[in-house]
Amino acid sequence: MERAFLLRLLQILWLSLFSVSLLADSKRTHVIGVFDDIDREIAVENGKLVGRFAPYYRCVFNRVEGDFKFVEMPLAQMLYRLRKGGISAGLPLVQTPERDEYADFGGLLFQTEYVYLLLRDLPPLDSLTGLRFAFVRKFVGGKLLRGEDPQVTDVSDWGQAVELLKNNRVDVVVLPWVLIDTYMNKYDKPYYNRTAAWVDLSMYISHKVNDSRFTEDLRKAIRECRSIAHQNQVSWDTPTRP
């Protein structure tokens, strides 16, 4: 009888500790990295996500328990901290095999177009040799190189890449289409852009997160918000080609 009572008591204590642990996980502050240098599209203001991409991500985080601290950072730093566990998640990001090694892709939230930006109407890029490309360090532009023996210049931000193009130090900049008008709005000479790829945009969740439910909760919220986004494209000011 006494043994049964002790076992029951231990069971109650274990369940109590487990419940406290779950509560602590749900209240844990998750640091979320936000790609800087694209303020019009996504940024942090007074601790909140703002910009044209923000409704997608606000929709997601409003459906997941926990406290979230959003911090802007360069792409290379975001990926490093995802790998080391310095942040719980990073956005906006596309999926690559390299990133899959240390973080979980959240699944398609929305799509965006990457383009080749040029100042000359070049022949098909695949037919050329030695093209000089520029894009932000750790960006997926390396997957979009064209032609024989392409040359790459990594830069810290998109503005630097476009300045290299304007000064004839590179031939092609690979960047999201939505950023072209930001960097070319005062440029009064001809310029061209060609579709490089349409990509699924979402977020990555670090493998270092010590909350088994966090990744699946985010993925579930992303699935829900992808459906909601289809119904709210106009009100969410989704950037699209004219």
C-alpha atoms as a PDB file:
ATOM      1  CA  MET A   1       0.000   0.000   0.000  1.00  0.00           C
ATOM      2  CA  GLU A   2       2.792   2.390   0.987  1.00  0.00           C
ATOM      3  CA  ARG A   3       4.720   1.453  -2.182  1.00  0.00           C
ATOM      4  CA  ALA A   4       1.680   2.188  -4.356  1.00  0.00           C
ATOM      5  CA  PHE A   5       1.224   5.542  -2.613  1.00  0.00           C
ATOM      6  CA  LEU A   6       4.878   6.509  -3.222  1.00  0.00           C
ATOM      7  CA  LEU A   7       4.657   5.513  -6.889  1.00  0.00           C
ATOM      8  CA  ARG A   8       1.498   7.571  -7.282  1.00  0.00           C
ATOM      9  CA  LEU A   9       3.147  10.539  -5.564  1.00  0.00           C
ATOM     10  CA  LEU A  10       6.186  10.295  -7.847  1.00  0.00           C
ATOM     11  CA  GLN A  11       3.908  10.159 -10.871  1.00  0.00           C
ATOM     12  CA  ILE A  12       2.077  13.311  -9.780  1.00  0.00           C
ATOM     13  CA  LEU A  13       5.368  15.112  -9.156  1.00  0.00           C
ATOM     14  CA  TRP A  14       6.694  14.072 -12.575  1.00  0.00           C
ATOM     15  CA  LEU A  15       3.544  15.282 -14.320  1.00  0.00           C
ATOM     16  CA  SER A  16       3.742  18.574 -12.432  1.00  0.00           C
ATOM     17  CA  LEU A  17       7.364  19.105 -13.465  1.00  0.00           C
ATOM     18  CA  PHE A  18       6.521  18.194 -17.081  1.00  0.00           C
ATOM     19  CA  SER A  19       3.681  20.719 -17.123  1.00  0.00           C
ATOM     20  CA  VAL A  20       5.947  23.422 -15.697  1.00  0.00           C
ATOM     21  CA  SER A  21       8.532  22.569 -18.354  1.00  0.00           C
ATOM     22  CA  LEU A  22       5.964  22.905 -21.146  1.00  0.00           C
ATOM     23  CA  LEU A  23       4.798  26.219 -19.732  1.00  0.00           C
ATOM     24  CA  ALA A  24       8.381  27.472 -19.582  1.00  0.00           C
ATOM     25  CA  ASP A  25       8.964  26.426 -23.201  1.00  0.00           C
ATOM     26  CA  SER A  26       5.832  28.238 -24.343  1.00  0.00           C
ATOM     27  CA  LYS A  27       6.992  31.411 -22.549  1.00  0.00           C
ATOM     28  CA  ARG A  28      10.568  31.196 -23.761  1.00  0.00           C
ATOM     29  CA  THR A  29      11.822  34.208 -25.670  1.00  0.00           C
ATOM     30  CA  HIS A  30      12.860  33.214 -29.166  1.00  0.00           C
ATOM     31  CA  VAL A  31      15.265  35.542 -30.966  1.00  0.00           C
ATOM     32  CA  ILE A  32      14.281  35.784 -34.640  1.00  0.00           C
ATOM     33  CA  GLY A  33      16.809  37.078 -37.159  1.00  0.00           C
ATOM     34  CA  VAL A  34      15.471  39.437 -39.830  1.00  0.00           C
ATOM     35  CA  PHE A  35      17.453  40.084 -43.027  1.00  0.00           C
ATOM     36  CA  ASP A  36      18.513  43.736 -42.939  1.00  0.00           C
ATOM     37  CA  ASP A  37      19.038  46.107 -45.902  1.00  0.00           C
ATOM     38  CA  ILE A  38      15.551  45.467 -47.344  1.00  0.00           C
ATOM     39  CA  ASP A  39      13.622  47.849 -45.096  1.00  0.00           C
ATOM     40  CA  ARG A  40      10.693  48.461 -47.448  1.00  0.00           C
ATOM     41  CA  GLU A  41      10.051  44.720 -47.677  1.00  0.00           C
ATOM     42  CA  ILE A  42      10.795  43.618 -44.104  1.00  0.00           C
ATOM     43  CA  ALA A  43      12.259  45.399 -41.087  1.00  0.00           C
ATOM     44  CA  VAL A  44      11.862  45.768 -37.326  1.00  0.00           C
ATOM     45  CA  GLU A  45      10.324  48.904 -35.840  1.00  0.00           C
ATOM     46  CA  ASN A  46       9.597  49.257 -32.125  1.00  0.00           C
ATOM     47  CA  GLY A  47      10.012  45.512 -31.764  1.00  0.00           C
ATOM     48  CA  LYS A  48       7.430  44.723 -34.480  1.00  0.00           C
ATOM     49  CA  LEU A  49       7.792  43.456 -38.019  1.00  0.00           C
ATOM     50  CA  VAL A  50       6.997  46.071 -40.661  1.00  0.00           C
ATOM     51  CA  GLY A  51       7.209  46.227 -44.448  1.00  0.00           C
ATOM     52  CA  ARG A  52       5.442  44.652 -47.414  1.00  0.00           C
ATOM     53  CA  PHE A  53       6.425  41.091 -46.406  1.00  0.00           C
ATOM     54  CA  ALA A  54       5.478  41.673 -42.763  1.00  0.00           C
ATOM     55  CA  PRO A  55       1.796  40.563 -42.940  1.00  0.00           C
ATOM     56  CA  TYR A  56       2.896  37.047 -43.899  1.00  0.00           C
ATOM     57  CA  TYR A  57       5.242  36.723 -40.940  1.00  0.00           C
ATOM     58  CA  ARG A  58       2.978  38.492 -38.439  1.00  0.00           C
ATOM     59  CA  CYS A  59       0.275  36.004 -39.432  1.00  0.00           C
ATOM     60  CA  VAL A  60       2.652  33.137 -38.608  1.00  0.00           C
ATOM     61  CA  PHE A  61       3.972  34.372 -35.262  1.00  0.00           C
ATOM     62  CA  ASN A  62       0.504  35.367 -34.072  1.00  0.00           C
ATOM     63  CA  ARG A  63      -0.386  31.670 -34.259  1.00  0.00           C
ATOM     64  CA  VAL A  64       2.581  30.318 -32.292  1.00  0.00           C
ATOM     65  CA  GLU A  65       2.923  30.460 -28.508  1.00  0.00           C
ATOM     66  CA  GLY A  66       5.993  32.180 -27.095  1.00  0.00           C
ATOM     67  CA  ASP A  67       7.668  35.545 -26.847  1.00  0.00           C
ATOM     68  CA  PHE A  68       9.569  36.694 -29.936  1.00  0.00           C
ATOM     69  CA  LYS A  69      12.360  39.225 -30.212  1.00  0.00           C
ATOM     70  CA  PHE A  70      13.023  40.337 -33.789  1.00  0.00           C
ATOM     71  CA  VAL A  71      16.567  41.486 -34.580  1.00  0.00           C
ATOM     72  CA  GLU A  72      17.833  42.770 -37.932  1.00  0.00           C
ATOM     73  CA  MET A  73      21.173  41.381 -39.100  1.00  0.00           C
ATOM     74  CA  PRO A  74      23.169  40.755 -42.285  1.00  0.00           C
ATOM     75  CA  LEU A  75      22.438  37.527 -44.110  1.00  0.00           C
ATOM     76  CA  ALA A  76      25.850  35.964 -43.402  1.00  0.00           C
ATOM     77  CA  GLN A  77      25.472  36.647 -39.666  1.00  0.00           C
ATOM     78  CA  MET A  78      21.939  35.262 -39.650  1.00  0.00           C
ATOM     79  CA  LEU A  79      23.031  31.992 -41.211  1.00  0.00           C
ATOM     80  CA  TYR A  80      25.998  31.704 -38.834  1.00  0.00           C
ATOM     81  CA  ARG A  81      23.774  32.238 -35.797  1.00  0.00           C
ATOM     82  CA  LEU A  82      21.203  29.759 -37.107  1.00  0.00           C
ATOM     83  CA  ARG A  83      23.954  27.161 -37.349  1.00  0.00           C
ATOM     84  CA  LYS A  84      25.325  27.901 -33.876  1.00  0.00           C
ATOM     85  CA  GLY A  85      21.953  28.315 -32.154  1.00  0.00           C
ATOM     86  CA  GLY A  86      22.325  32.041 -31.533  1.00  0.00           C
ATOM     87  CA  ILE A  87      18.848  32.616 -32.959  1.00  0.00           C
ATOM     88  CA  SER A  88      15.793  30.367 -33.083  1.00  0.00           C
ATOM     89  CA  ALA A  89      14.796  31.272 -36.641  1.00  0.00           C
ATOM     90  CA  GLY A  90      15.702  33.575 -39.508  1.00  0.00           C
ATOM     91  CA  LEU A  91      13.682  35.259 -42.258  1.00  0.00           C
ATOM     92  CA  PRO A  92      13.005  35.816 -45.097  1.00  0.00           C
ATOM     93  CA  LEU A  93      14.937  32.868 -46.501  1.00  0.00           C
ATOM     94  CA  VAL A  94      14.782  30.379 -49.369  1.00  0.00           C
ATOM     95  CA  GLN A  95      15.695  26.717 -49.103  1.00  0.00           C
ATOM     96  CA  THR A  96      19.139  25.374 -49.999  1.00  0.00           C
ATOM     97  CA  PRO A  97      20.825  22.004 -49.290  1.00  0.00           C
ATOM     98  CA  GLU A  98      23.555  23.738 -47.272  1.00  0.00           C
ATOM     99  CA  ARG A  99      21.073  25.422 -44.937  1.00  0.00           C
ATOM    100  CA  ASP A 100      19.143  22.165 -44.513  1.00  0.00           C
ATOM    101  CA  GLU A 101      22.175  20.742 -42.699  1.00  0.00           C
ATOM    102  CA  TYR A 102      21.722  22.984 -39.657  1.00  0.00           C
ATOM    103  CA  ALA A 103      18.142  24.288 -39.798  1.00  0.00           C
ATOM    104  CA  ASP A 104      14.627  23.265 -40.847  1.00  0.00           C
ATOM    105  CA  PHE A 105      12.908  25.077 -43.714  1.00  0.00           C
ATOM    106  CA  GLY A 106       9.434  26.190 -42.707  1.00  0.00           C
ATOM    107  CA  GLY A 107       7.796  25.391 -46.038  1.00  0.00           C
ATOM    108  CA  LEU A 108       6.437  27.711 -48.719  1.00  0.00           C
ATOM    109  CA  LEU A 109       4.888  30.883 -47.283  1.00  0.00           C
ATOM    110  CA  PHE A 110       4.906  32.938 -50.498  1.00  0.00           C
ATOM    111  CA  GLN A 111       6.970  33.226 -53.666  1.00  0.00           C
ATOM    112  CA  THR A 112       9.290  35.912 -54.967  1.00  0.00           C
ATOM    113  CA  GLU A 113      11.214  36.448 -58.186  1.00  0.00           C
ATOM    114  CA  TYR A 114      14.988  36.722 -58.430  1.00  0.00           C
ATOM    115  CA  VAL A 115      16.354  38.540 -61.465  1.00  0.00           C
ATOM    116  CA  TYR A 116      19.533  39.373 -63.341  1.00  0.00           C
ATOM    117  CA  LEU A 117      19.997  43.155 -63.420  1.00  0.00           C
ATOM    118  CA  LEU A 118      22.081  44.477 -66.330  1.00  0.00           C
ATOM    119  CA  LEU A 119      22.982  47.833 -67.871  1.00  0.00           C
ATOM    120  CA  ARG A 120      23.496  46.304 -71.326  1.00  0.00           C
ATOM    121  CA  ASP A 121      21.058  44.146 -73.271  1.00  0.00           C
ATOM    122  CA  LEU A 122      23.441  41.211 -73.419  1.00  0.00           C
ATOM    123  CA  PRO A 123      22.927  38.030 -75.471  1.00  0.00           C
ATOM    124  CA  PRO A 124      21.648  34.974 -73.547  1.00  0.00           C
ATOM    125  CA  LEU A 125      23.871  34.731 -70.478  1.00  0.00           C
ATOM    126  CA  ASP A 126      24.510  31.030 -70.948  1.00  0.00           C
ATOM    127  CA  SER A 127      26.285  31.845 -74.230  1.00  0.00           C
ATOM    128  CA  LEU A 128      28.840  34.191 -72.655  1.00  0.00           C
ATOM    129  CA  THR A 129      32.215  33.641 -71.015  1.00  0.00           C
ATOM    130  CA  GLY A 130      33.690  35.374 -67.972  1.00  0.00           C
ATOM    131  CA  LEU A 131      30.617  37.317 -66.885  1.00  0.00           C
ATOM    132  CA  ARG A 132      31.212  39.269 -63.688  1.00  0.00           C
ATOM    133  CA  PHE A 133      28.417  38.724 -61.140  1.00  0.00           C
ATOM    134  CA  ALA A 134      27.768  40.493 -57.832  1.00  0.00           C
ATOM    135  CA  PHE A 135      25.379  39.604 -55.021  1.00  0.00           C
ATOM    136  CA  VAL A 136      25.131  39.714 -51.241  1.00  0.00           C
ATOM    137  CA  ARG A 137      27.428  37.368 -49.358  1.00  0.00           C
ATOM    138  CA  LYS A 138      25.755  33.985 -48.598  1.00  0.00           C
ATOM    139  CA  PHE A 139      22.891  34.826 -50.967  1.00  0.00           C
ATOM    140  CA  VAL A 140      21.722  31.993 -53.233  1.00  0.00           C
ATOM    141  CA  GLY A 141      23.085  33.821 -56.282  1.00  0.00           C
ATOM    142  CA  GLY A 142      25.804  31.196 -56.571  1.00  0.00           C
ATOM    143  CA  LYS A 143      23.119  28.771 -57.777  1.00  0.00           C
ATOM    144  CA  LEU A 144      22.110  31.215 -60.518  1.00  0.00           C
ATOM    145  CA  LEU A 145      25.448  31.849 -62.226  1.00  0.00           C
ATOM    146  CA  ARG A 146      25.372  31.596 -66.007  1.00  0.00           C
ATOM    147  CA  GLY A 147      27.873  31.203 -68.828  1.00  0.00           C
ATOM    148  CA  GLU A 148      31.369  29.775 -68.879  1.00  0.00           C
ATOM    149  CA  ASP A 149      33.892  30.749 -66.190  1.00  0.00           C
ATOM    150  CA  PRO A 150      31.688  33.266 -64.303  1.00  0.00           C
ATOM    151  CA  GLN A 151      33.416  35.607 -61.840  1.00  0.00           C
ATOM    152  CA  VAL A 152      31.791  36.483 -58.505  1.00  0.00           C
ATOM    153  CA  THR A 153      32.117  39.495 -56.214  1.00  0.00           C
ATOM    154  CA  ASP A 154      30.500  39.109 -52.780  1.00  0.00           C
ATOM    155  CA  VAL A 155      29.295  42.308 -51.089  1.00  0.00           C
ATOM    156  CA  SER A 156      27.728  43.216 -47.763  1.00  0.00           C
ATOM    157  CA  ASP A 157      24.498  44.739 -49.105  1.00  0.00           C
ATOM    158  CA  TRP A 158      22.499  45.201 -52.294  1.00  0.00           C
ATOM    159  CA  GLY A 159      23.437  48.859 -52.625  1.00  0.00           C
ATOM    160  CA  GLN A 160      27.106  47.936 -52.977  1.00  0.00           C
ATOM    161  CA  ALA A 161      26.312  45.363 -55.671  1.00  0.00           C
ATOM    162  CA  VAL A 162      24.298  47.869 -57.717  1.00  0.00           C
ATOM    163  CA  GLU A 163      27.014  50.524 -57.385  1.00  0.00           C
ATOM    164  CA  LEU A 164      29.533  48.034 -58.768  1.00  0.00           C
ATOM    165  CA  LEU A 165      27.213  47.538 -61.739  1.00  0.00           C
ATOM    166  CA  LYS A 166      26.785  51.275 -62.318  1.00  0.00           C
ATOM    167  CA  ASN A 167      30.554  51.731 -62.238  1.00  0.00           C
ATOM    168  CA  ASN A 168      31.086  48.927 -64.777  1.00  0.00           C
ATOM    169  CA  ARG A 169      32.976  46.763 -62.294  1.00  0.00           C
ATOM    170  CA  VAL A 170      30.522  43.880 -62.756  1.00  0.00           C
ATOM    171  CA  ASP A 171      28.212  42.843 -65.590  1.00  0.00           C
ATOM    172  CA  VAL A 172      25.286  41.341 -63.684  1.00  0.00           C
ATOM    173  CA  VAL A 173      23.713  41.739 -60.253  1.00  0.00           C
ATOM    174  CA  VAL A 174      21.512  38.928 -58.961  1.00  0.00           C
ATOM    175  CA  LEU A 175      18.834  40.256 -56.600  1.00  0.00           C
ATOM    176  CA  PRO A 176      15.117  40.053 -55.752  1.00  0.00           C
ATOM    177  CA  TRP A 177      12.976  41.807 -58.353  1.00  0.00           C
ATOM    178  CA  VAL A 178      11.189  43.822 -55.640  1.00  0.00           C
ATOM    179  CA  LEU A 179      14.434  45.699 -54.886  1.00  0.00           C
ATOM    180  CA  ILE A 180      15.133  47.011 -58.387  1.00  0.00           C
ATOM    181  CA  ASP A 181      13.169  50.244 -58.094  1.00  0.00           C
ATOM    182  CA  THR A 182      14.766  50.974 -54.725  1.00  0.00           C
ATOM    183  CA  TYR A 183      18.263  51.050 -56.207  1.00  0.00           C
ATOM    184  CA  MET A 184      17.508  52.231 -59.758  1.00  0.00           C
ATOM    185  CA  ASN A 185      14.830  54.892 -59.198  1.00  0.00           C
ATOM    186  CA  LYS A 186      17.240  57.799 -59.862  1.00  0.00           C
ATOM    187  CA  TYR A 187      19.180  56.086 -62.622  1.00  0.00           C
ATOM    188  CA  ASP A 188      18.330  57.858 -65.895  1.00  0.00           C
ATOM    189  CA  LYS A 189      20.038  55.475 -68.324  1.00  0.00           C
ATOM    190  CA  PRO A 190      18.671  52.217 -69.766  1.00  0.00           C
ATOM    191  CA  TYR A 191      18.809  49.077 -67.665  1.00  0.00           C
ATOM    192  CA  TYR A 192      17.408  45.586 -68.073  1.00  0.00           C
ATOM    193  CA  ASN A 193      16.283  42.689 -65.937  1.00  0.00           C
ATOM    194  CA  ARG A 194      15.672  39.055 -66.733  1.00  0.00           C
ATOM    195  CA  THR A 195      14.038  36.408 -64.596  1.00  0.00           C
ATOM    196  CA  ALA A 196      16.616  34.212 -62.873  1.00  0.00           C
ATOM    197  CA  ALA A 197      14.240  32.046 -60.808  1.00  0.00           C
ATOM    198  CA  TRP A 198      10.992  31.994 -58.889  1.00  0.00           C
ATOM    199  CA  VAL A 199      11.674  30.781 -55.355  1.00  0.00           C
ATOM    200  CA  ASP A 200       9.673  29.723 -52.302  1.00  0.00           C
ATOM    201  CA  LEU A 201      10.192  32.244 -49.525  1.00  0.00           C
ATOM    202  CA  SER A 202       9.741  31.362 -45.867  1.00  0.00           C
ATOM    203  CA  MET A 203      12.026  31.003 -42.834  1.00  0.00           C
ATOM    204  CA  TYR A 204      14.524  28.571 -41.329  1.00  0.00           C
ATOM    205  CA  ILE A 205      14.300  27.212 -37.771  1.00  0.00           C
ATOM    206  CA  SER A 206      17.577  26.282 -36.091  1.00  0.00           C
ATOM    207  CA  HIS A 207      18.253  22.639 -35.172  1.00  0.00           C
ATOM    208  CA  LYS A 208      19.583  24.007 -31.864  1.00  0.00           C
ATOM    209  CA  VAL A 209      16.127  25.050 -30.634  1.00  0.00           C
ATOM    210  CA  ASN A 210      15.355  23.094 -27.439  1.00  0.00           C
ATOM    211  CA  ASP A 211      11.616  22.954 -28.004  1.00  0.00           C
ATOM    212  CA  SER A 212      10.364  19.934 -29.906  1.00  0.00           C
ATOM    213  CA  ARG A 213       7.032  21.611 -30.710  1.00  0.00           C
ATOM    214  CA  PHE A 214       8.388  24.935 -31.940  1.00  0.00           C
ATOM    215  CA  THR A 215       9.353  23.838 -35.452  1.00  0.00           C
ATOM    216  CA  GLU A 216       6.108  21.973 -36.095  1.00  0.00           C
ATOM    217  CA  ASP A 217       4.034  24.838 -34.646  1.00  0.00           C
ATOM    218  CA  LEU A 218       5.737  27.250 -37.045  1.00  0.00           C
ATOM    219  CA  ARG A 219       5.248  24.907 -39.987  1.00  0.00           C
ATOM    220  CA  LYS A 220       1.562  24.505 -39.172  1.00  0.00           C
ATOM    221  CA  ALA A 221       1.156  28.281 -38.909  1.00  0.00           C
ATOM    222  CA  ILE A 222       2.964  28.752 -42.238  1.00  0.00           C
ATOM    223  CA  ARG A 223       0.563  26.351 -43.939  1.00  0.00           C
ATOM    224  CA  GLU A 224      -2.410  28.222 -42.494  1.00  0.00           C
ATOM    225  CA  CYS A 225      -1.035  31.639 -43.423  1.00  0.00           C
ATOM    226  CA  ARG A 226      -0.196  30.574 -46.973  1.00  0.00           C
ATOM    227  CA  SER A 227      -3.889  29.827 -47.446  1.00  0.00           C
ATOM    228  CA  ILE A 228      -4.924  33.081 -45.786  1.00  0.00           C
ATOM    229  CA  ALA A 229      -2.477  35.035 -47.975  1.00  0.00           C
ATOM    230  CA  HIS A 230      -4.226  33.875 -51.148  1.00  0.00           C
ATOM    231  CA  GLN A 231      -7.382  35.550 -49.880  1.00  0.00           C
ATOM    232  CA  ASN A 232      -5.655  38.797 -48.834  1.00  0.00           C
ATOM    233  CA  GLN A 233      -3.144  39.582 -51.577  1.00  0.00           C
ATOM    234  CA  VAL A 234      -4.597  43.019 -52.315  1.00  0.00           C
ATOM    235  CA  SER A 235      -4.948  44.171 -48.714  1.00  0.00           C
ATOM    236  CA  TRP A 236      -1.498  42.783 -47.852  1.00  0.00           C
ATOM    237  CA  ASP A 237       0.080  44.901 -50.629  1.00  0.00           C
ATOM    238  CA  THR A 238       1.876  41.917 -52.114  1.00  0.00           C
ATOM    239  CA  PRO A 239       4.515  43.250 -54.543  1.00  0.00           C
ATOM    240  CA  THR A 240       3.996  41.926 -58.071  1.00  0.00           C
ATOM    241  CA  ARG A 241       5.235  42.851 -61.525  1.00  0.00           C
ATOM    242  CA  PRO A 242       3.063  45.442 -63.326  1.00  0.00           C
END
